[in-house]
Amino acid sequence: MSKNLVYFILIVIIGTLIGAFIGKAIYKLFPQDSTVKELLAVEIKPGLQPTTVDLGILEFTFGAMVKLNITAVLGLIITAIIFRKLIL
């Protein structure tokens, strides 16, 4: 695996986490009936629901969900731009 790919994956994860954290912090600042608060509360959850396969002596549970909101996507875009400027 290329070193740039590893850096890109790390940047994507860190950027998404920072964006989600900033979104949660901003969410707490606005009053209950605020339009901004409603916008920040919208999440998209693509992925696989947890599924269990029971083989009698062995049981597997697998699945993955990604929760994305506006600020997580913005954080992702900003860190991708920074990554591109640093690497290219």
N, C-alpha and C. Protein backbone atom coordinates (compact mmCIF):
# COMPACT_ATOMS: atom_id res chain seq x y z
N MET A 1 0.86 -1.17 0.00
CA MET A 1 0.00 0.00 0.00
C MET A 1 0.90 1.24 0.00
N SER A 2 0.54 2.19 -0.78
CA SER A 2 1.30 3.41 -0.93
C SER A 2 1.25 4.26 0.34
N LYS A 3 2.34 4.96 0.60
CA LYS A 3 2.40 5.85 1.77
C LYS A 3 1.38 6.98 1.65
N ASN A 4 1.17 7.50 0.44
CA ASN A 4 0.19 8.56 0.23
C ASN A 4 -1.23 8.08 0.53
N LEU A 5 -1.53 6.83 0.20
CA LEU A 5 -2.86 6.29 0.47
C LEU A 5 -3.11 6.19 1.97
N VAL A 6 -2.10 5.76 2.71
CA VAL A 6 -2.23 5.68 4.17
C VAL A 6 -2.45 7.07 4.75
N TYR A 7 -1.68 8.05 4.29
CA TYR A 7 -1.86 9.42 4.76
C TYR A 7 -3.25 9.93 4.41
N PHE A 8 -3.71 9.63 3.21
CA PHE A 8 -5.03 10.09 2.79
C PHE A 8 -6.12 9.49 3.67
N ILE A 9 -6.03 8.21 3.97
CA ILE A 9 -7.04 7.57 4.83
C ILE A 9 -7.02 8.20 6.22
N LEU A 10 -5.83 8.44 6.76
CA LEU A 10 -5.73 9.09 8.07
C LEU A 10 -6.32 10.50 8.04
N ILE A 11 -6.03 11.25 6.99
CA ILE A 11 -6.54 12.61 6.86
C ILE A 11 -8.06 12.59 6.76
N VAL A 12 -8.61 11.65 6.01
CA VAL A 12 -10.06 11.55 5.86
C VAL A 12 -10.71 11.24 7.21
N ILE A 13 -10.16 10.31 7.95
CA ILE A 13 -10.73 9.95 9.26
C ILE A 13 -10.63 11.12 10.23
N ILE A 14 -9.45 11.74 10.30
CA ILE A 14 -9.25 12.86 11.21
C ILE A 14 -10.14 14.04 10.84
N GLY A 15 -10.23 14.36 9.55
CA GLY A 15 -11.07 15.47 9.10
C GLY A 15 -12.54 15.24 9.40
N THR A 16 -13.01 14.03 9.20
CA THR A 16 -14.40 13.71 9.49
C THR A 16 -14.68 13.81 10.98
N LEU A 17 -13.77 13.30 11.80
CA LEU A 17 -13.95 13.38 13.25
C LEU A 17 -13.94 14.83 13.75
N ILE A 18 -13.02 15.62 13.25
CA ILE A 18 -12.95 17.03 13.65
C ILE A 18 -14.22 17.77 13.22
N GLY A 19 -14.68 17.52 11.99
CA GLY A 19 -15.90 18.15 11.51
C GLY A 19 -17.11 17.76 12.34
N ALA A 20 -17.22 16.48 12.70
CA ALA A 20 -18.34 16.02 13.53
C ALA A 20 -18.27 16.65 14.92
N PHE A 21 -17.07 16.74 15.48
CA PHE A 21 -16.91 17.37 16.80
C PHE A 21 -17.32 18.84 16.77
N ILE A 22 -16.88 19.56 15.75
CA ILE A 22 -17.25 20.98 15.62
C ILE A 22 -18.76 21.11 15.45
N GLY A 23 -19.36 20.21 14.67
CA GLY A 23 -20.82 20.23 14.48
C GLY A 23 -21.57 20.03 15.78
N LYS A 24 -21.10 19.10 16.61
CA LYS A 24 -21.75 18.86 17.91
C LYS A 24 -21.60 20.07 18.82
N ALA A 25 -20.43 20.71 18.78
CA ALA A 25 -20.21 21.90 19.61
C ALA A 25 -21.10 23.06 19.16
N ILE A 26 -21.20 23.27 17.85
CA ILE A 26 -22.07 24.33 17.33
C ILE A 26 -23.53 24.03 17.63
N TYR A 27 -23.92 22.76 17.56
CA TYR A 27 -25.29 22.32 17.83
C TYR A 27 -25.73 22.76 19.23
N LYS A 28 -24.82 22.67 20.20
CA LYS A 28 -25.13 23.04 21.58
C LYS A 28 -25.31 24.55 21.77
N LEU A 29 -24.75 25.36 20.88
CA LEU A 29 -24.78 26.82 21.04
C LEU A 29 -26.12 27.46 20.65
N PHE A 30 -26.88 26.82 19.77
CA PHE A 30 -28.09 27.43 19.25
C PHE A 30 -29.31 27.05 20.07
N PRO A 31 -30.33 27.95 20.11
CA PRO A 31 -31.56 27.65 20.85
C PRO A 31 -32.30 26.44 20.26
N GLN A 32 -33.22 25.89 21.02
CA GLN A 32 -33.92 24.66 20.67
C GLN A 32 -34.63 24.73 19.31
N ASP A 33 -35.34 25.81 19.01
CA ASP A 33 -36.14 25.90 17.78
C ASP A 33 -35.40 26.57 16.63
N SER A 34 -34.10 26.57 16.66
CA SER A 34 -33.30 27.24 15.64
C SER A 34 -33.23 26.41 14.35
N THR A 35 -33.26 27.10 13.22
CA THR A 35 -33.13 26.44 11.92
C THR A 35 -31.74 25.84 11.77
N VAL A 36 -30.73 26.51 12.27
CA VAL A 36 -29.36 26.01 12.19
C VAL A 36 -29.25 24.70 12.97
N LYS A 37 -29.89 24.65 14.13
CA LYS A 37 -29.84 23.44 14.94
C LYS A 37 -30.52 22.27 14.21
N GLU A 38 -31.62 22.55 13.54
CA GLU A 38 -32.30 21.51 12.76
C GLU A 38 -31.42 21.03 11.61
N LEU A 39 -30.73 21.95 10.96
CA LEU A 39 -29.84 21.60 9.85
C LEU A 39 -28.67 20.74 10.33
N LEU A 40 -28.11 21.09 11.48
CA LEU A 40 -26.99 20.32 12.02
C LEU A 40 -27.42 18.95 12.54
N ALA A 41 -28.68 18.79 12.86
CA ALA A 41 -29.17 17.51 13.40
C ALA A 41 -29.39 16.47 12.31
N VAL A 42 -29.43 16.88 11.05
CA VAL A 42 -29.66 15.94 9.95
C VAL A 42 -28.42 15.07 9.76
N GLU A 43 -28.62 13.75 9.80
CA GLU A 43 -27.53 12.81 9.59
C GLU A 43 -27.90 11.81 8.51
N ILE A 44 -26.91 11.42 7.75
CA ILE A 44 -27.07 10.36 6.77
C ILE A 44 -26.33 9.15 7.32
N LYS A 45 -26.98 7.99 7.33
CA LYS A 45 -26.37 6.80 7.93
C LYS A 45 -26.29 5.66 6.91
N PRO A 46 -25.36 5.75 5.96
CA PRO A 46 -25.20 4.63 5.03
C PRO A 46 -24.42 3.49 5.70
N GLY A 47 -24.68 2.28 5.28
CA GLY A 47 -23.93 1.16 5.81
C GLY A 47 -24.75 -0.10 5.91
N LEU A 48 -24.20 -1.07 6.60
CA LEU A 48 -24.85 -2.35 6.81
C LEU A 48 -25.28 -2.47 8.26
N GLN A 49 -26.53 -2.83 8.47
CA GLN A 49 -27.01 -3.08 9.84
C GLN A 49 -26.27 -4.31 10.38
N PRO A 50 -26.06 -4.36 11.70
CA PRO A 50 -25.39 -5.54 12.27
C PRO A 50 -26.16 -6.82 11.93
N THR A 51 -25.44 -7.80 11.43
CA THR A 51 -26.01 -9.08 11.04
C THR A 51 -25.26 -10.18 11.76
N THR A 52 -25.99 -11.16 12.26
CA THR A 52 -25.37 -12.27 12.98
C THR A 52 -25.53 -13.56 12.19
N VAL A 53 -24.44 -14.29 12.08
CA VAL A 53 -24.44 -15.61 11.46
C VAL A 53 -24.06 -16.61 12.55
N ASP A 54 -24.97 -17.52 12.87
CA ASP A 54 -24.74 -18.51 13.92
C ASP A 54 -24.50 -19.86 13.28
N LEU A 55 -23.30 -20.41 13.48
CA LEU A 55 -22.93 -21.70 12.91
C LEU A 55 -22.95 -22.82 13.95
N GLY A 56 -23.59 -22.60 15.06
CA GLY A 56 -23.64 -23.61 16.11
C GLY A 56 -22.52 -23.44 17.11
N ILE A 57 -21.30 -23.67 16.67
CA ILE A 57 -20.16 -23.53 17.58
C ILE A 57 -19.45 -22.19 17.43
N LEU A 58 -19.82 -21.46 16.39
CA LEU A 58 -19.17 -20.19 16.10
C LEU A 58 -20.23 -19.19 15.65
N GLU A 59 -20.15 -18.01 16.18
CA GLU A 59 -21.13 -16.97 15.83
C GLU A 59 -20.40 -15.72 15.40
N PHE A 60 -20.78 -15.20 14.24
CA PHE A 60 -20.19 -13.97 13.70
C PHE A 60 -21.22 -12.87 13.72
N THR A 61 -20.82 -11.68 14.12
CA THR A 61 -21.64 -10.48 13.99
C THR A 61 -20.82 -9.46 13.24
N PHE A 62 -21.36 -8.94 12.16
CA PHE A 62 -20.62 -7.94 11.39
C PHE A 62 -21.59 -6.90 10.85
N GLY A 63 -21.03 -5.74 10.58
CA GLY A 63 -21.80 -4.62 10.06
C GLY A 63 -21.00 -3.35 10.23
N ALA A 64 -21.39 -2.34 9.53
CA ALA A 64 -20.70 -1.05 9.63
C ALA A 64 -21.68 0.06 9.28
N MET A 65 -21.71 1.09 10.08
CA MET A 65 -22.55 2.25 9.83
C MET A 65 -21.66 3.49 9.87
N VAL A 66 -21.92 4.41 8.99
CA VAL A 66 -21.20 5.68 8.96
C VAL A 66 -22.24 6.77 9.16
N LYS A 67 -22.03 7.59 10.18
CA LYS A 67 -22.93 8.72 10.43
C LYS A 67 -22.27 9.99 9.90
N LEU A 68 -22.88 10.57 8.90
CA LEU A 68 -22.35 11.80 8.32
C LEU A 68 -23.35 12.93 8.50
N ASN A 69 -22.83 14.09 8.87
CA ASN A 69 -23.65 15.29 8.90
C ASN A 69 -22.94 16.38 8.11
N ILE A 70 -23.54 17.53 8.04
CA ILE A 70 -23.00 18.62 7.22
C ILE A 70 -21.57 18.98 7.63
N THR A 71 -21.33 19.14 8.92
CA THR A 71 -20.01 19.58 9.37
C THR A 71 -18.96 18.49 9.18
N ALA A 72 -19.35 17.21 9.29
CA ALA A 72 -18.40 16.13 9.05
C ALA A 72 -17.97 16.14 7.59
N VAL A 73 -18.91 16.36 6.69
CA VAL A 73 -18.57 16.43 5.26
C VAL A 73 -17.70 17.64 4.98
N LEU A 74 -18.01 18.79 5.60
CA LEU A 74 -17.17 19.98 5.41
C LEU A 74 -15.76 19.74 5.93
N GLY A 75 -15.64 19.11 7.10
CA GLY A 75 -14.32 18.77 7.64
C GLY A 75 -13.57 17.84 6.72
N LEU A 76 -14.27 16.89 6.13
CA LEU A 76 -13.67 15.96 5.17
C LEU A 76 -13.15 16.71 3.94
N ILE A 77 -13.94 17.62 3.40
CA ILE A 77 -13.55 18.37 2.22
C ILE A 77 -12.34 19.27 2.52
N ILE A 78 -12.37 19.95 3.65
CA ILE A 78 -11.27 20.84 4.02
C ILE A 78 -9.97 20.06 4.20
N THR A 79 -10.04 18.92 4.89
CA THR A 79 -8.81 18.14 5.08
C THR A 79 -8.33 17.52 3.77
N ALA A 80 -9.23 17.17 2.87
CA ALA A 80 -8.82 16.65 1.56
C ALA A 80 -8.09 17.73 0.77
N ILE A 81 -8.57 18.96 0.85
CA ILE A 81 -7.89 20.07 0.18
C ILE A 81 -6.51 20.30 0.79
N ILE A 82 -6.43 20.28 2.11
CA ILE A 82 -5.13 20.45 2.78
C ILE A 82 -4.19 19.32 2.40
N PHE A 83 -4.69 18.09 2.36
CA PHE A 83 -3.87 16.95 1.96
C PHE A 83 -3.34 17.14 0.54
N ARG A 84 -4.21 17.60 -0.35
CA ARG A 84 -3.79 17.80 -1.74
C ARG A 84 -2.70 18.87 -1.85
N LYS A 85 -2.86 19.96 -1.06
CA LYS A 85 -1.85 21.02 -1.09
C LYS A 85 -0.51 20.52 -0.52
N LEU A 86 -0.56 19.70 0.52
CA LEU A 86 0.68 19.22 1.14
C LEU A 86 1.39 18.18 0.30
N ILE A 87 0.65 17.30 -0.35
CA ILE A 87 1.26 16.21 -1.10
C ILE A 87 1.63 16.62 -2.52
N LEU A 88 0.78 17.40 -3.19
CA LEU A 88 1.04 17.74 -4.59
C LEU A 88 1.78 19.02 -4.75
